[in-house]
Every structure is written in structure tokens, then in C-alpha cells.
N, C-alpha and C. Protein backbone atom coordinates (compact mmCIF):
# COMPACT_ATOMS: atom_id res chain seq x y z
N MET A 1 111.14 79.57 86.66
CA MET A 1 110.12 78.58 86.96
C MET A 1 109.36 79.02 88.21
N SER A 2 108.07 79.17 88.07
CA SER A 2 107.24 79.61 89.17
C SER A 2 106.54 78.42 89.81
N LYS A 3 106.56 78.39 91.14
CA LYS A 3 105.89 77.30 91.86
C LYS A 3 104.88 77.91 92.82
N THR A 4 103.87 77.16 93.12
CA THR A 4 102.94 77.63 94.13
C THR A 4 103.66 77.64 95.47
N PHE A 5 103.10 78.37 96.41
CA PHE A 5 103.74 78.51 97.72
C PHE A 5 103.99 77.15 98.37
N ASN A 6 102.96 76.32 98.43
CA ASN A 6 103.10 75.02 99.10
C ASN A 6 104.12 74.12 98.42
N LYS A 7 104.13 74.15 97.09
CA LYS A 7 105.10 73.32 96.37
C LYS A 7 106.52 73.83 96.60
N LEU A 8 106.67 75.15 96.65
CA LEU A 8 108.00 75.70 96.91
C LEU A 8 108.48 75.31 98.31
N ILE A 9 107.61 75.41 99.30
CA ILE A 9 107.97 75.02 100.67
C ILE A 9 108.36 73.55 100.71
N GLU A 10 107.59 72.72 100.04
CA GLU A 10 107.90 71.29 99.98
C GLU A 10 109.26 71.05 99.32
N SER A 11 109.51 71.74 98.22
CA SER A 11 110.79 71.60 97.52
C SER A 11 111.95 72.09 98.38
N LEU A 12 111.74 73.21 99.06
CA LEU A 12 112.79 73.72 99.96
C LEU A 12 113.09 72.71 101.07
N ASN A 13 112.05 72.15 101.66
CA ASN A 13 112.24 71.16 102.73
C ASN A 13 113.07 69.98 102.25
N LEU A 14 112.74 69.46 101.07
CA LEU A 14 113.49 68.33 100.53
C LEU A 14 114.96 68.72 100.30
N MET A 15 115.18 69.90 99.73
CA MET A 15 116.54 70.36 99.46
C MET A 15 117.32 70.56 100.77
N ILE A 16 116.66 71.16 101.75
CA ILE A 16 117.30 71.41 103.06
C ILE A 16 117.73 70.10 103.71
N GLU A 17 116.89 69.08 103.61
CA GLU A 17 117.21 67.77 104.20
C GLU A 17 118.29 67.03 103.40
N ALA A 18 118.29 67.20 102.09
CA ALA A 18 119.21 66.43 101.26
C ALA A 18 120.62 67.00 101.23
N ILE A 19 120.77 68.29 101.31
CA ILE A 19 122.10 68.91 101.19
C ILE A 19 123.11 68.32 102.19
N PRO A 20 122.77 68.27 103.49
CA PRO A 20 123.76 67.74 104.43
C PRO A 20 124.14 66.27 104.17
N LYS A 21 123.24 65.53 103.58
CA LYS A 21 123.49 64.11 103.32
C LYS A 21 124.40 63.89 102.11
N HIS A 22 124.57 64.92 101.28
CA HIS A 22 125.34 64.77 100.04
C HIS A 22 126.42 65.84 99.90
N LEU A 23 126.96 66.27 101.03
CA LEU A 23 127.93 67.36 101.00
C LEU A 23 129.18 67.04 100.20
N MET A 24 129.64 65.83 100.25
CA MET A 24 130.87 65.47 99.54
C MET A 24 130.71 65.73 98.03
N LYS A 25 129.62 65.26 97.48
CA LYS A 25 129.39 65.42 96.05
C LYS A 25 129.07 66.88 95.70
N LEU A 26 128.30 67.54 96.57
CA LEU A 26 127.89 68.93 96.31
C LEU A 26 129.05 69.91 96.43
N ALA A 27 130.06 69.55 97.22
CA ALA A 27 131.23 70.42 97.38
C ALA A 27 131.92 70.64 96.04
N GLU A 28 131.82 69.67 95.16
CA GLU A 28 132.43 69.78 93.83
C GLU A 28 131.85 70.94 93.02
N VAL A 29 130.59 71.33 93.32
CA VAL A 29 129.96 72.43 92.59
C VAL A 29 129.81 73.68 93.48
N GLY A 30 130.48 73.65 94.61
CA GLY A 30 130.51 74.83 95.48
C GLY A 30 129.38 74.95 96.49
N ILE A 31 128.59 73.90 96.67
CA ILE A 31 127.51 73.95 97.66
C ILE A 31 128.05 73.42 98.98
N LYS A 32 127.91 74.27 100.00
CA LYS A 32 128.39 73.91 101.34
C LYS A 32 127.19 73.77 102.28
N ALA A 33 127.46 73.31 103.50
CA ALA A 33 126.41 73.09 104.51
C ALA A 33 125.64 74.38 104.80
N GLU A 34 126.31 75.52 104.68
CA GLU A 34 125.66 76.80 104.95
C GLU A 34 124.48 77.06 104.01
N LYS A 35 124.53 76.48 102.83
CA LYS A 35 123.44 76.66 101.86
C LYS A 35 122.14 76.10 102.42
N SER A 36 122.22 74.98 103.11
CA SER A 36 121.05 74.38 103.74
C SER A 36 120.49 75.32 104.82
N ASP A 37 121.40 75.90 105.61
CA ASP A 37 120.97 76.84 106.65
C ASP A 37 120.32 78.08 106.04
N GLU A 38 120.92 78.58 104.96
CA GLU A 38 120.38 79.75 104.28
C GLU A 38 118.98 79.47 103.74
N MET A 39 118.81 78.31 103.15
CA MET A 39 117.51 77.93 102.59
C MET A 39 116.47 77.74 103.70
N LYS A 40 116.90 77.18 104.83
CA LYS A 40 115.97 77.00 105.96
C LYS A 40 115.51 78.35 106.48
N GLN A 41 116.44 79.29 106.58
CA GLN A 41 116.08 80.62 107.05
C GLN A 41 115.08 81.29 106.09
N LEU A 42 115.33 81.17 104.80
CA LEU A 42 114.40 81.72 103.81
C LEU A 42 113.03 81.06 103.91
N LYS A 43 113.03 79.74 104.06
CA LYS A 43 111.77 79.00 104.17
C LYS A 43 110.99 79.45 105.40
N ASP A 44 111.70 79.59 106.52
CA ASP A 44 111.05 80.03 107.76
C ASP A 44 110.46 81.44 107.60
N GLU A 45 111.19 82.33 106.93
CA GLU A 45 110.70 83.68 106.69
C GLU A 45 109.47 83.66 105.79
N LEU A 46 109.51 82.81 104.76
CA LEU A 46 108.36 82.68 103.86
C LEU A 46 107.13 82.21 104.62
N GLU A 47 107.30 81.21 105.46
CA GLU A 47 106.17 80.67 106.22
C GLU A 47 105.62 81.72 107.17
N LYS A 48 106.49 82.49 107.79
CA LYS A 48 106.04 83.55 108.71
C LYS A 48 105.26 84.62 107.94
N LEU A 49 105.81 85.06 106.82
CA LEU A 49 105.13 86.07 106.01
C LEU A 49 103.79 85.56 105.48
N ASN A 50 103.76 84.31 105.08
CA ASN A 50 102.51 83.72 104.60
C ASN A 50 101.46 83.68 105.70
N SER A 51 101.89 83.33 106.89
CA SER A 51 100.97 83.29 108.02
C SER A 51 100.42 84.69 108.32
N GLU A 52 101.29 85.68 108.31
CA GLU A 52 100.86 87.07 108.53
C GLU A 52 99.89 87.51 107.44
N GLN A 53 100.18 87.12 106.20
CA GLN A 53 99.31 87.49 105.08
C GLN A 53 97.93 86.84 105.23
N GLU A 54 97.89 85.60 105.66
CA GLU A 54 96.60 84.90 105.83
C GLU A 54 95.75 85.60 106.89
N ILE A 55 96.40 86.07 107.96
CA ILE A 55 95.68 86.81 109.00
C ILE A 55 95.11 88.10 108.41
N LEU A 56 95.90 88.80 107.62
CA LEU A 56 95.44 90.03 106.99
C LEU A 56 94.30 89.77 106.01
N LYS A 57 94.38 88.67 105.26
CA LYS A 57 93.30 88.32 104.33
C LYS A 57 91.99 88.08 105.10
N ALA A 58 92.09 87.40 106.23
CA ALA A 58 90.89 87.12 107.03
C ALA A 58 90.31 88.43 107.56
N LYS A 59 91.17 89.33 108.02
CA LYS A 59 90.70 90.63 108.50
C LYS A 59 90.07 91.43 107.36
N LEU A 60 90.67 91.38 106.19
CA LEU A 60 90.12 92.08 105.03
C LEU A 60 88.74 91.54 104.66
N LYS A 61 88.61 90.23 104.71
CA LYS A 61 87.32 89.61 104.38
C LYS A 61 86.24 90.09 105.35
N LEU A 62 86.57 90.14 106.64
CA LEU A 62 85.60 90.62 107.63
C LEU A 62 85.27 92.09 107.41
N LYS A 63 86.29 92.90 107.13
CA LYS A 63 86.08 94.33 106.94
C LYS A 63 85.27 94.58 105.67
N THR A 64 85.49 93.78 104.63
CA THR A 64 84.73 93.92 103.39
C THR A 64 83.27 93.60 103.64
N LYS A 65 83.00 92.55 104.42
CA LYS A 65 81.62 92.20 104.77
C LYS A 65 80.97 93.33 105.55
N GLU A 66 81.69 93.89 106.50
CA GLU A 66 81.18 95.00 107.30
C GLU A 66 80.87 96.21 106.41
N LEU A 67 81.77 96.52 105.49
CA LEU A 67 81.57 97.63 104.57
C LEU A 67 80.35 97.38 103.68
N ASP A 68 80.23 96.18 103.14
CA ASP A 68 79.09 95.85 102.27
C ASP A 68 77.76 96.01 103.02
N GLU A 69 77.74 95.58 104.28
CA GLU A 69 76.51 95.71 105.08
C GLU A 69 76.17 97.18 105.30
N LYS A 70 77.18 98.01 105.57
CA LYS A 70 76.95 99.44 105.78
C LYS A 70 76.50 100.12 104.49
N LEU A 71 77.05 99.69 103.35
CA LEU A 71 76.63 100.24 102.07
C LEU A 71 75.16 99.96 101.80
N ILE A 72 74.73 98.75 102.09
CA ILE A 72 73.33 98.38 101.92
C ILE A 72 72.46 99.24 102.83
N GLN A 73 72.88 99.38 104.09
CA GLN A 73 72.13 100.18 105.05
C GLN A 73 72.06 101.64 104.60
N ALA A 74 73.17 102.20 104.15
CA ALA A 74 73.21 103.60 103.71
C ALA A 74 72.33 103.81 102.48
N ASN A 75 72.37 102.86 101.55
CA ASN A 75 71.52 102.97 100.35
C ASN A 75 70.04 102.94 100.71
N GLU A 76 69.68 102.07 101.65
CA GLU A 76 68.28 101.98 102.06
C GLU A 76 67.82 103.27 102.72
N VAL A 77 68.63 103.80 103.63
CA VAL A 77 68.29 105.04 104.32
C VAL A 77 68.20 106.20 103.32
N TYR A 78 69.17 106.26 102.43
CA TYR A 78 69.17 107.33 101.42
C TYR A 78 67.93 107.24 100.54
N SER A 79 67.62 106.05 100.06
CA SER A 79 66.48 105.86 99.16
C SER A 79 65.16 106.26 99.83
N LYS A 80 64.96 105.80 101.06
CA LYS A 80 63.73 106.13 101.79
C LYS A 80 63.64 107.63 102.06
N THR A 81 64.75 108.21 102.49
CA THR A 81 64.76 109.64 102.79
C THR A 81 64.53 110.46 101.52
N ARG A 82 65.13 110.04 100.43
CA ARG A 82 64.98 110.73 99.15
C ARG A 82 63.51 110.75 98.73
N LYS A 83 62.83 109.62 98.89
CA LYS A 83 61.41 109.55 98.53
C LYS A 83 60.58 110.49 99.40
N LEU A 84 60.89 110.52 100.70
CA LEU A 84 60.15 111.41 101.61
C LEU A 84 60.41 112.87 101.28
N VAL A 85 61.64 113.21 100.93
CA VAL A 85 61.96 114.58 100.55
C VAL A 85 61.17 114.97 99.32
N LYS A 86 61.12 114.09 98.33
CA LYS A 86 60.39 114.38 97.10
C LYS A 86 58.89 114.57 97.36
N LEU A 87 58.37 113.88 98.36
CA LEU A 87 56.95 114.03 98.70
C LEU A 87 56.66 115.31 99.48
N SER A 88 57.62 115.77 100.26
CA SER A 88 57.34 116.87 101.17
C SER A 88 57.95 118.22 100.77
N VAL A 89 58.85 118.24 99.82
CA VAL A 89 59.53 119.48 99.43
C VAL A 89 59.18 119.79 97.98
N LYS A 90 59.03 121.08 97.68
CA LYS A 90 58.72 121.50 96.31
C LYS A 90 59.83 121.05 95.36
N GLN A 91 59.43 120.71 94.16
CA GLN A 91 60.37 120.19 93.15
C GLN A 91 61.53 121.14 92.91
N GLU A 92 61.28 122.45 92.92
CA GLU A 92 62.36 123.41 92.67
C GLU A 92 63.40 123.42 93.79
N ASP A 93 63.08 122.86 94.95
CA ASP A 93 64.03 122.79 96.06
C ASP A 93 64.77 121.44 96.16
N TRP A 94 64.41 120.51 95.29
CA TRP A 94 65.04 119.18 95.33
C TRP A 94 66.55 119.25 95.12
N LEU A 95 66.99 120.16 94.28
CA LEU A 95 68.42 120.25 93.96
C LEU A 95 69.26 120.50 95.22
N ALA A 96 68.70 121.21 96.19
CA ALA A 96 69.43 121.46 97.45
C ALA A 96 69.73 120.15 98.18
N PHE A 97 68.93 119.12 97.91
CA PHE A 97 69.13 117.80 98.52
C PHE A 97 69.93 116.86 97.61
N GLY A 98 70.37 117.40 96.47
CA GLY A 98 71.13 116.59 95.52
C GLY A 98 70.25 115.76 94.61
N ILE A 99 68.96 116.08 94.57
CA ILE A 99 68.03 115.34 93.72
C ILE A 99 67.86 116.12 92.43
N LYS A 100 68.25 115.49 91.33
CA LYS A 100 68.23 116.15 90.03
C LYS A 100 67.06 115.70 89.16
N ASP A 101 66.16 114.90 89.75
CA ASP A 101 65.00 114.41 89.00
C ASP A 101 64.13 115.58 88.54
N LYS A 102 63.39 115.33 87.47
CA LYS A 102 62.45 116.34 86.97
C LYS A 102 61.06 116.10 87.55
N ARG A 103 60.80 114.85 87.99
CA ARG A 103 59.50 114.51 88.59
C ARG A 103 59.67 113.80 89.89
């Protein structure tokens, strides 16, 4: 059964709080107080990792925007320069500039 992150955290919190209150009954199936501690530790690790991941996602979003802006800038510079090369250099020399056009 797969749960979303927030729902899993919520479920873990409820389980962590309920285990100590029902130890007598849970002991019959082998659940001890340590299980609550183990689950709390896992929950804390999940929350820490999620927080770190969110920071990385934000950094990735900024870096992607920066990359996209540079791609636009590079395309514009390339396009303008390519046109000027085609106007000023003989067609037979275009290939040296990576221009494979026939006209």
C-alpha cells in the first residue's frame, strides 16, 4: 500500500502516539514500546530527507531557469552571428563555420 508522504507522516504520528497507550494489548502480538521509538526515528529521518530534497528541488528550479535564459541568449547570438557570416563570407567557406546551407 503506497501513501503520499504527508499521509504517511500523519499515519506514523498517530501510530507513534497510540502504541504507548495500548502496550498491554499490543504486547500480545509482540509490539513493544521500542517500536514507537523506532517509528519516530524513521519519521524524523523521512522529514529530514524530505526537507533536504525540497531545498535541492528549489535549487534545481533556479538552475534550470538560469540554463534556459543562457540557452535563449546563446541561440540569439548564434543566429545573429550566423546571418552576418553568411553575408560577409563566400558560400564555399560557410562549412568552416558549421553552416551547411546551400544559400
